[in-house]
Amino acid sequence: SRLQGATNCNSQHRRKPPPASVGTRRTAMAVLALRRAVRSMHSSGGAARLTRFALHPPKCVEVEFSDGCACKLSAEFLRVYSPAADSKIRSVGGEKVIFGRQYVGIMSAEPVGNYGVRLLFDDLHKTGIYTWEYFYHLGSNKFALMRNYIKTLKKHGLSRDPKRK
């Protein structure tokens, strides 16, 4: 079955084994560090606890939480909703808009303490720290956020496609 981030973030799924090859030693070390961070993460105030984080470069990140929330978040979606202040945005009519990232990829993920990860995208953006809570928010609101993003692009005559403006 497939994982999807519905508004309520509840979906049935089966677990997939981790990717067979991780590539370089550095990537393998990062994967192990991410797994340790997931295992040692503690929830506060009854919030859902991250139970699984899987990077599927270059296309997506898969997250699962203790309350059953499980979703795949595309590289484009994560890049557009980067929590970084300097995420290469264009100000259009006072609105900050990231466009042309339809084919962006995720190169790697580095753990940041026990609370999140820093994603490195192939457009070299790497300054945003995605906390587990932020992943939960993105997964829970995935469809509404993407719909708003596409509406904003259309409103300003911009495109997800990097070739058109």
Protein backbone atom coordinates (compact mmCIF):
# COMPACT_ATOMS: atom_id res chain seq x y z
CA SER A 1 0.00 0.00 0.00
CA ARG A 2 1.08 3.59 -0.31
CA LEU A 3 1.77 6.24 2.28
CA GLN A 4 0.09 9.55 1.91
CA GLY A 5 -0.26 12.66 4.07
CA ALA A 6 -3.97 13.29 4.31
CA THR A 7 -5.33 16.22 6.25
CA ASN A 8 -5.84 14.01 9.29
CA CYS A 9 -2.49 12.34 8.56
CA ASN A 10 -3.91 8.89 9.21
CA SER A 11 -3.26 6.20 6.65
CA GLN A 12 -2.78 2.47 6.66
CA HIS A 13 0.57 1.27 5.46
CA ARG A 14 3.09 -1.49 5.57
CA ARG A 15 6.66 -0.88 6.54
CA LYS A 16 9.32 -1.08 3.88
CA PRO A 17 12.88 -2.15 4.64
CA PRO A 18 15.55 0.57 4.51
CA PRO A 19 17.36 1.05 1.18
CA ALA A 20 19.87 -1.72 0.46
CA SER A 21 22.79 0.55 -0.37
CA VAL A 22 23.58 3.87 1.23
CA GLY A 23 26.41 4.91 -1.09
CA THR A 24 29.28 6.57 0.69
CA ARG A 25 30.61 6.11 4.20
CA ARG A 26 29.53 9.65 5.06
CA THR A 27 25.97 8.91 3.97
CA ALA A 28 25.98 5.68 5.98
CA MET A 29 27.14 7.57 9.07
CA ALA A 30 24.39 10.17 8.58
CA VAL A 31 21.76 7.44 8.21
CA LEU A 32 22.93 5.79 11.44
CA ALA A 33 22.92 9.12 13.26
CA LEU A 34 19.39 9.82 12.03
CA ARG A 35 18.22 6.42 13.24
CA ARG A 36 19.79 7.06 16.66
CA ALA A 37 18.09 10.47 16.83
CA VAL A 38 14.73 8.91 15.99
CA ARG A 39 15.17 6.21 18.65
CA SER A 40 16.21 8.65 21.37
CA MET A 41 13.70 11.39 20.62
CA HIS A 42 11.34 12.10 23.49
CA SER A 43 7.94 13.67 23.07
CA SER A 44 6.83 16.59 25.20
CA GLY A 45 3.33 17.53 26.25
CA GLY A 46 1.65 14.50 24.70
CA ALA A 47 2.72 15.40 21.16
CA ALA A 48 3.08 12.62 18.63
CA ARG A 49 6.55 11.07 18.72
CA LEU A 50 8.53 10.41 15.56
CA THR A 51 8.91 6.66 15.08
CA ARG A 52 10.49 6.52 11.63
CA PHE A 53 12.42 8.83 9.32
CA ALA A 54 13.50 7.58 5.90
CA LEU A 55 15.28 9.57 3.23
CA HIS A 56 14.62 8.38 -0.32
CA PRO A 57 16.99 10.60 -2.32
CA PRO A 58 16.48 12.47 -4.48
CA LYS A 59 12.68 12.37 -4.42
CA CYS A 60 11.21 12.36 -0.92
CA VAL A 61 11.32 11.94 2.83
CA GLU A 62 9.05 9.48 4.61
CA VAL A 63 8.03 10.09 8.23
CA GLU A 64 5.88 8.14 10.68
CA PHE A 65 4.64 9.21 14.09
CA SER A 66 3.38 7.38 17.16
CA ASP A 67 -0.22 8.49 16.57
CA GLY A 68 -0.35 6.75 13.17
CA CYS A 69 0.48 9.79 11.05
CA ALA A 70 2.56 8.51 8.14
CA CYS A 71 3.39 10.47 5.00
CA LYS A 72 5.79 10.99 2.15
CA LEU A 73 6.88 14.57 1.55
CA SER A 74 8.34 15.39 -1.85
CA ALA A 75 11.61 17.24 -2.29
CA GLU A 76 9.80 20.11 -4.01
CA PHE A 77 7.30 20.42 -1.16
CA LEU A 78 10.05 20.40 1.48
CA ARG A 79 12.15 22.91 -0.47
CA VAL A 80 9.21 25.29 -0.93
CA TYR A 81 8.31 25.08 2.76
CA SER A 82 11.88 25.30 4.02
CA PRO A 83 11.97 26.77 7.53
CA ALA A 84 15.10 28.78 6.60
CA ALA A 85 14.89 32.54 6.45
CA ASP A 86 17.11 32.76 3.35
CA SER A 87 15.53 30.05 1.19
CA LYS A 88 16.11 31.88 -2.13
CA ILE A 89 12.72 33.50 -2.28
CA ARG A 90 11.39 36.11 -4.63
CA SER A 91 9.25 38.88 -3.22
CA VAL A 92 6.25 39.44 -5.47
CA GLY A 93 3.86 42.14 -4.34
CA GLY A 94 5.07 41.82 -0.76
CA GLU A 95 4.53 38.04 -0.82
CA LYS A 96 7.52 35.71 -0.59
CA VAL A 97 7.32 33.07 -3.31
CA ILE A 98 9.65 30.18 -4.13
CA PHE A 99 9.15 28.98 -7.69
CA GLY A 100 10.77 26.71 -10.28
CA ARG A 101 11.58 23.91 -7.85
CA GLN A 102 9.50 21.10 -9.38
CA TYR A 103 12.55 18.95 -10.11
CA VAL A 104 14.69 19.81 -7.08
CA GLY A 105 16.21 16.82 -5.32
CA ILE A 106 17.38 16.00 -1.82
CA MET A 107 21.06 15.07 -1.68
CA SER A 108 21.42 14.27 2.02
CA ALA A 109 20.04 14.71 5.52
CA GLU A 110 22.13 15.52 8.60
CA PRO A 111 20.77 15.05 12.12
CA VAL A 112 20.50 18.15 14.30
CA GLY A 113 20.47 17.03 17.91
CA ASN A 114 17.51 14.80 18.73
CA TYR A 115 14.94 17.22 17.40
CA GLY A 116 15.33 17.41 13.62
CA VAL A 117 17.39 17.27 10.44
CA ARG A 118 19.05 19.63 8.00
CA LEU A 119 18.29 18.70 4.40
CA LEU A 120 20.74 19.47 1.59
CA PHE A 121 18.99 20.05 -1.73
CA ASP A 122 20.62 19.84 -5.15
CA ASP A 123 20.09 23.59 -5.62
CA LEU A 124 22.55 23.82 -2.68
CA HIS A 125 19.97 25.10 -0.19
CA LYS A 126 20.89 23.69 3.23
CA THR A 127 20.19 26.24 5.94
CA GLY A 128 16.77 25.13 7.16
CA ILE A 129 16.38 22.85 10.16
CA TYR A 130 13.30 20.68 9.87
CA THR A 131 12.16 19.74 13.37
CA TRP A 132 10.07 16.63 13.94
CA GLU A 133 7.16 18.89 14.91
CA TYR A 134 7.53 20.78 11.62
CA PHE A 135 7.49 17.49 9.67
CA TYR A 136 4.28 16.61 11.52
CA HIS A 137 2.75 19.97 10.59
CA LEU A 138 3.77 19.57 6.94
CA GLY A 139 2.41 16.02 6.78
CA SER A 140 -0.85 16.93 8.47
CA ASN A 141 -1.44 19.88 6.15
CA LYS A 142 0.28 18.61 3.01
CA PHE A 143 -2.60 18.95 0.57
CA ALA A 144 -3.81 22.36 1.78
CA LEU A 145 -0.26 23.75 1.78
CA MET A 146 0.46 22.48 -1.74
CA ARG A 147 -2.86 23.81 -3.01
CA ASN A 148 -2.08 27.26 -1.53
CA TYR A 149 1.41 27.18 -3.06
CA ILE A 150 0.04 26.44 -6.54
CA LYS A 151 -2.61 29.18 -6.16
CA THR A 152 0.10 31.68 -5.17
CA LEU A 153 2.22 30.74 -8.20
CA LYS A 154 -0.76 31.18 -10.54
CA LYS A 155 -1.68 34.48 -8.90
CA HIS A 156 1.78 35.87 -9.72
CA GLY A 157 2.18 34.21 -13.12
CA LEU A 158 4.96 31.91 -11.88
CA SER A 159 5.50 28.19 -12.41
CA ARG A 160 6.72 25.11 -10.56
CA ASP A 161 8.71 24.34 -13.73
CA PRO A 162 12.21 25.86 -13.58
CA LYS A 163 12.18 26.61 -17.33
CA ARG A 164 9.20 28.97 -17.34
CA LYS A 165 8.62 32.18 -15.40
